[in-house]
């Protein structure tokens, strides 16, 4: 049974969902107070490039509509043929998109880890998706209803332009991922995937990934054993350090040059 805890803001009660049943409960049973959650969401909005310049009144409005979602185990946020209903910010853990073939084969994209807003497409369109979205066990997300973001964008149209720019950036990264898969081999391909994963973050300085090698190998489309060999080779070249459940890039410029050879 999956436990999903929502803290709606600025309400004074929490909304707890277990499976398909829900009820209201006292705020003391939750992990965060409304004021704390509001401030966290506001900070995430103010520090995101895509919301740069958004008038304070709209920042406060979106933070007021946000909620915190915590997951005690891996949970499906969105199923195939469903429509996005929220804009998400990853505060802890990670979320990942997967596609399944008719025969049951599974393919998945890079994990989205702490520090990034995703699903801006939900603001631009209400079209159903052709993939699944999963939150990892131990993840904490901020969620804002897409319709509320659309309302703010109508009032401040510059937000639409900035959302389109963010979507375009991710589109370009997806192209790099496809080309790297086709043109690179071995540890160069793994190195390029790690750099692309780092570049998903707005300031391009996120060089540490708290993710298991098993999860990473699935995202990269290689076996766990092959990934381990590649990481050890990249470590020997002085590009990264490997820890339990974590990989840290320590020489990104030379690692980038290595991929271009």
Protein backbone atom coordinates (compact mmCIF):
# COMPACT_ATOMS: atom_id res chain seq x y z
CA UNK A 1 0.00 0.00 0.00
CA UNK A 2 1.43 3.37 -1.01
CA UNK A 3 1.31 6.29 1.38
CA UNK A 4 1.11 9.71 -0.26
CA UNK A 5 0.94 12.73 2.03
CA UNK A 6 -0.21 16.08 0.66
CA UNK A 7 0.07 19.39 2.47
CA UNK A 8 -2.18 21.89 0.73
CA UNK A 9 -1.45 25.58 1.14
CA UNK A 10 -2.62 27.90 2.53
CA UNK A 11 -5.23 25.63 4.16
CA UNK A 12 -4.97 24.71 7.82
CA UNK A 13 -5.57 20.99 7.37
CA UNK A 14 -3.64 18.33 5.49
CA UNK A 15 -5.08 16.01 2.89
CA UNK A 16 -3.79 12.46 3.22
CA UNK A 17 -4.36 9.86 0.52
CA UNK A 18 -3.80 6.15 1.00
CA UNK A 19 -4.63 4.23 -2.16
CA UNK A 20 -7.92 5.73 -3.35
CA UNK A 21 -9.26 6.67 0.09
CA UNK A 22 -8.74 10.10 1.61
CA UNK A 23 -9.70 12.11 4.66
CA UNK A 24 -8.78 15.30 6.51
CA UNK A 25 -6.54 15.20 9.55
CA UNK A 26 -4.89 17.56 12.02
CA UNK A 27 -1.79 19.36 10.76
CA UNK A 28 0.22 17.98 13.70
CA UNK A 29 0.15 14.59 11.94
CA UNK A 30 2.12 15.92 8.96
CA UNK A 31 5.83 16.61 8.43
CA UNK A 32 5.70 20.36 7.73
CA UNK A 33 3.76 23.42 8.80
CA UNK A 34 1.97 25.47 6.13
CA UNK A 35 4.27 28.47 6.68
CA UNK A 36 7.35 26.28 6.26
CA UNK A 37 6.00 24.68 3.10
CA UNK A 38 5.02 28.08 1.70
CA UNK A 39 8.52 29.45 2.27
CA UNK A 40 10.16 26.40 0.69
CA UNK A 41 7.95 26.61 -2.39
CA UNK A 42 8.50 30.35 -2.65
CA UNK A 43 12.27 29.89 -2.52
CA UNK A 44 12.11 27.24 -5.26
CA UNK A 45 10.12 29.64 -7.45
CA UNK A 46 12.37 32.64 -6.82
CA UNK A 47 15.56 30.70 -7.59
CA UNK A 48 14.35 29.12 -10.84
CA UNK A 49 15.44 30.78 -14.09
CA UNK A 50 12.10 30.01 -15.71
CA UNK A 51 10.33 32.22 -13.12
CA UNK A 52 12.90 35.02 -13.35
CA UNK A 53 11.25 38.43 -13.09
CA UNK A 54 7.87 37.08 -12.04
CA UNK A 55 6.21 39.80 -9.91
CA UNK A 56 6.20 38.99 -6.21
CA UNK A 57 2.41 38.92 -6.03
CA UNK A 58 2.35 36.01 -8.50
CA UNK A 59 5.23 34.23 -6.75
CA UNK A 60 3.22 34.38 -3.52
CA UNK A 61 0.08 33.25 -5.31
CA UNK A 62 1.74 30.16 -6.79
CA UNK A 63 3.48 29.34 -3.50
CA UNK A 64 0.10 29.59 -1.81
CA UNK A 65 -1.39 27.01 -4.17
CA UNK A 66 1.56 24.64 -3.88
CA UNK A 67 1.64 21.49 -1.83
CA UNK A 68 4.33 19.14 -0.57
CA UNK A 69 4.12 15.47 -1.55
CA UNK A 70 6.26 12.87 0.23
CA UNK A 71 6.55 9.22 -0.81
CA UNK A 72 7.62 6.35 1.39
CA UNK A 73 8.00 3.99 -1.58
CA UNK A 74 8.23 4.07 -5.36
CA UNK A 75 4.98 5.58 -6.64
CA UNK A 76 3.43 6.15 -10.06
CA UNK A 77 2.54 9.84 -10.43
CA UNK A 78 1.17 9.64 -13.95
CA UNK A 79 0.02 6.73 -16.12
CA UNK A 80 0.09 6.28 -19.88
CA UNK A 81 -2.78 8.23 -21.54
CA UNK A 82 -3.31 10.43 -18.49
CA UNK A 83 -3.01 14.22 -18.52
CA UNK A 84 -0.54 16.22 -16.46
CA UNK A 85 -2.33 18.13 -13.72
CA UNK A 86 0.60 19.69 -11.86
CA UNK A 87 3.93 21.40 -12.22
CA UNK A 88 6.50 19.59 -10.06
CA UNK A 89 9.68 20.65 -8.28
CA UNK A 90 11.97 17.89 -7.02
CA UNK A 91 13.15 18.74 -3.50
CA UNK A 92 14.47 15.30 -2.47
CA UNK A 93 14.90 11.97 -4.24
CA UNK A 94 14.12 11.88 -7.95
CA UNK A 95 11.40 11.19 -10.49
CA UNK A 96 11.74 9.33 -13.78
CA UNK A 97 9.73 8.84 -16.98
CA UNK A 98 9.25 5.36 -18.44
CA UNK A 99 7.72 3.91 -21.58
CA UNK A 100 6.50 0.34 -22.04
CA UNK A 101 6.19 -1.60 -25.27
CA UNK A 102 3.25 -3.89 -26.07
CA UNK A 103 5.50 -6.83 -25.13
CA UNK A 104 6.28 -5.33 -21.73
CA UNK A 105 9.80 -4.01 -22.41
CA UNK A 106 10.61 -0.88 -20.43
CA UNK A 107 12.67 2.14 -21.50
CA UNK A 108 13.32 5.11 -19.25
CA UNK A 109 14.83 8.58 -19.46
CA UNK A 110 17.28 10.27 -17.13
CA UNK A 111 16.13 10.78 -13.55
CA UNK A 112 15.12 14.33 -12.61
CA UNK A 113 16.83 15.04 -9.32
CA UNK A 114 16.60 17.82 -6.72
CA UNK A 115 16.74 21.39 -7.98
CA UNK A 116 14.57 21.35 -11.10
CA UNK A 117 10.96 22.13 -12.02
CA UNK A 118 9.46 19.80 -14.62
CA UNK A 119 6.25 19.23 -16.60
CA UNK A 120 5.98 22.74 -18.04
CA UNK A 121 4.29 21.08 -20.99
CA UNK A 122 1.23 20.75 -18.76
CA UNK A 123 0.94 24.54 -18.74
CA UNK A 124 1.00 24.72 -22.54
CA UNK A 125 -1.29 21.80 -23.40
CA UNK A 126 -3.76 19.38 -21.83
CA UNK A 127 -2.80 16.51 -24.14
CA UNK A 128 -2.41 13.05 -22.59
CA UNK A 129 1.09 11.60 -22.33
CA UNK A 130 2.45 8.36 -23.82
CA UNK A 131 4.67 7.45 -20.85
CA UNK A 132 4.58 6.85 -17.09
CA UNK A 133 6.05 9.11 -14.42
CA UNK A 134 7.40 7.61 -11.20
CA UNK A 135 8.63 9.11 -7.93
CA UNK A 136 11.41 7.20 -6.18
CA UNK A 137 11.04 6.02 -2.60
CA UNK A 138 11.96 8.79 -0.20
CA UNK A 139 11.17 11.57 -2.69
CA UNK A 140 9.72 14.95 -1.73
CA UNK A 141 8.08 17.11 -4.39
CA UNK A 142 6.39 20.51 -4.56
CA UNK A 143 3.32 20.44 -6.79
CA UNK A 144 1.43 23.41 -8.21
CA UNK A 145 -1.81 22.92 -10.21
CA UNK A 146 -1.09 23.55 -13.89
CA UNK A 147 -4.25 25.62 -14.25
CA UNK A 148 -2.97 28.06 -11.59
CA UNK A 149 0.31 28.49 -13.50
CA UNK A 150 -1.71 29.11 -16.69
CA UNK A 151 -3.73 31.78 -14.86
CA UNK A 152 -0.53 33.55 -13.79
CA UNK A 153 0.90 33.29 -17.34
CA UNK A 154 -2.25 34.92 -18.72
CA UNK A 155 -1.78 37.78 -16.28
CA UNK A 156 2.00 37.98 -16.92
CA UNK A 157 2.57 36.71 -20.52
CA UNK A 158 6.38 36.85 -20.22
CA UNK A 159 6.07 33.61 -18.25
CA UNK A 160 4.85 31.82 -21.40
CA UNK A 161 8.02 32.93 -23.21
CA UNK A 162 10.25 31.68 -20.40
CA UNK A 163 8.41 28.35 -20.24
CA UNK A 164 8.89 27.89 -24.00
CA UNK A 165 12.62 28.63 -23.58
CA UNK A 166 12.88 25.99 -20.83
CA UNK A 167 11.03 23.40 -22.93
CA UNK A 168 13.33 24.20 -25.87
CA UNK A 169 16.41 23.68 -23.69
CA UNK A 170 15.20 20.22 -22.69
CA UNK A 171 14.36 19.46 -26.32
CA UNK A 172 17.95 20.27 -27.35
CA UNK A 173 19.29 18.08 -24.56
CA UNK A 174 17.09 15.22 -25.75
CA UNK A 175 18.64 15.58 -29.22
CA UNK A 176 22.13 15.43 -27.72
CA UNK A 177 21.13 12.29 -25.85
CA UNK A 178 19.93 10.64 -29.07
CA UNK A 179 23.03 11.63 -31.06
CA UNK A 180 25.39 10.57 -28.28
CA UNK A 181 23.69 7.18 -28.17
CA UNK A 182 24.27 6.80 -31.91
CA UNK A 183 27.81 8.20 -32.23
CA UNK A 184 29.60 7.36 -28.99
CA UNK A 185 30.56 4.02 -27.49
CA UNK A 186 31.77 2.62 -24.20
CA UNK A 187 32.87 4.94 -21.44
CA UNK A 188 32.64 7.97 -23.73
CA UNK A 189 28.91 7.40 -24.05
CA UNK A 190 28.58 7.00 -20.28
CA UNK A 191 30.62 10.16 -19.70
CA UNK A 192 28.41 12.10 -22.15
CA UNK A 193 25.28 10.91 -20.35
CA UNK A 194 26.68 12.06 -16.99
CA UNK A 195 27.53 15.50 -18.42
CA UNK A 196 24.07 15.80 -19.97
CA UNK A 197 22.54 14.85 -16.63
CA UNK A 198 24.59 17.61 -14.96
CA UNK A 199 23.53 20.13 -17.62
CA UNK A 200 19.85 19.57 -16.89
CA UNK A 201 20.30 21.96 -13.99
CA UNK A 202 20.03 25.65 -14.65
CA UNK A 203 23.43 26.81 -13.46
CA UNK A 204 25.21 23.82 -15.01
CA UNK A 205 27.16 23.28 -11.80
CA UNK A 206 25.39 20.25 -10.42
CA UNK A 207 28.12 17.62 -10.48
CA UNK A 208 27.03 15.19 -7.78
CA UNK A 209 24.31 12.58 -8.28
CA UNK A 210 22.77 10.63 -5.42
CA UNK A 211 21.47 7.69 -7.39
CA UNK A 212 22.20 3.97 -7.38
CA UNK A 213 24.26 2.47 -10.17
CA UNK A 214 21.38 0.08 -10.85
CA UNK A 215 19.04 2.99 -11.53
CA UNK A 216 21.71 4.81 -13.53
CA UNK A 217 22.40 1.75 -15.71
CA UNK A 218 18.71 1.49 -16.57
CA UNK A 219 18.60 5.15 -17.55
CA UNK A 220 21.73 4.78 -19.70
CA UNK A 221 20.50 1.57 -21.36
CA UNK A 222 23.45 -0.59 -20.31
CA UNK A 223 24.00 -3.40 -17.83
CA UNK A 224 24.98 -2.72 -14.22
CA UNK A 225 28.31 -4.50 -14.79
CA UNK A 226 29.11 -2.44 -17.90
CA UNK A 227 28.30 0.80 -16.10
CA UNK A 228 30.60 -0.18 -13.23
CA UNK A 229 33.49 -0.76 -15.66
CA UNK A 230 32.86 2.57 -17.35
CA UNK A 231 32.73 4.46 -14.05
CA UNK A 232 35.95 2.85 -12.85
CA UNK A 233 37.66 3.83 -16.12
CA UNK A 234 36.41 7.44 -15.81
CA UNK A 235 37.58 7.52 -12.20
CA UNK A 236 41.03 6.30 -13.26
CA UNK A 237 41.17 9.14 -15.81
CA UNK A 238 40.52 11.59 -12.97
CA UNK A 239 37.08 12.72 -14.15
CA UNK A 240 34.94 11.59 -11.22
CA UNK A 241 34.75 10.00 -7.79
CA UNK A 242 32.50 7.10 -6.86
CA UNK A 243 30.82 6.72 -3.47
CA UNK A 244 28.10 4.44 -2.15
CA UNK A 245 24.91 5.52 -3.94
CA UNK A 246 26.59 8.63 -5.35
CA UNK A 247 28.78 9.76 -8.27
CA UNK A 248 30.63 13.09 -8.22
CA UNK A 249 32.12 14.73 -11.34
CA UNK A 250 35.38 16.45 -10.34
CA UNK A 251 36.80 17.44 -13.75
CA UNK A 252 33.90 18.37 -16.00
CA UNK A 253 35.89 20.35 -18.64
CA UNK A 254 38.31 17.51 -19.42
CA UNK A 255 35.52 14.96 -19.21
CA UNK A 256 33.59 16.99 -21.80
CA UNK A 257 36.64 17.09 -24.06
CA UNK A 258 37.05 13.33 -23.64
CA UNK A 259 33.53 12.82 -24.99
CA UNK A 260 34.21 14.88 -28.10
CA UNK A 261 37.19 12.78 -29.22
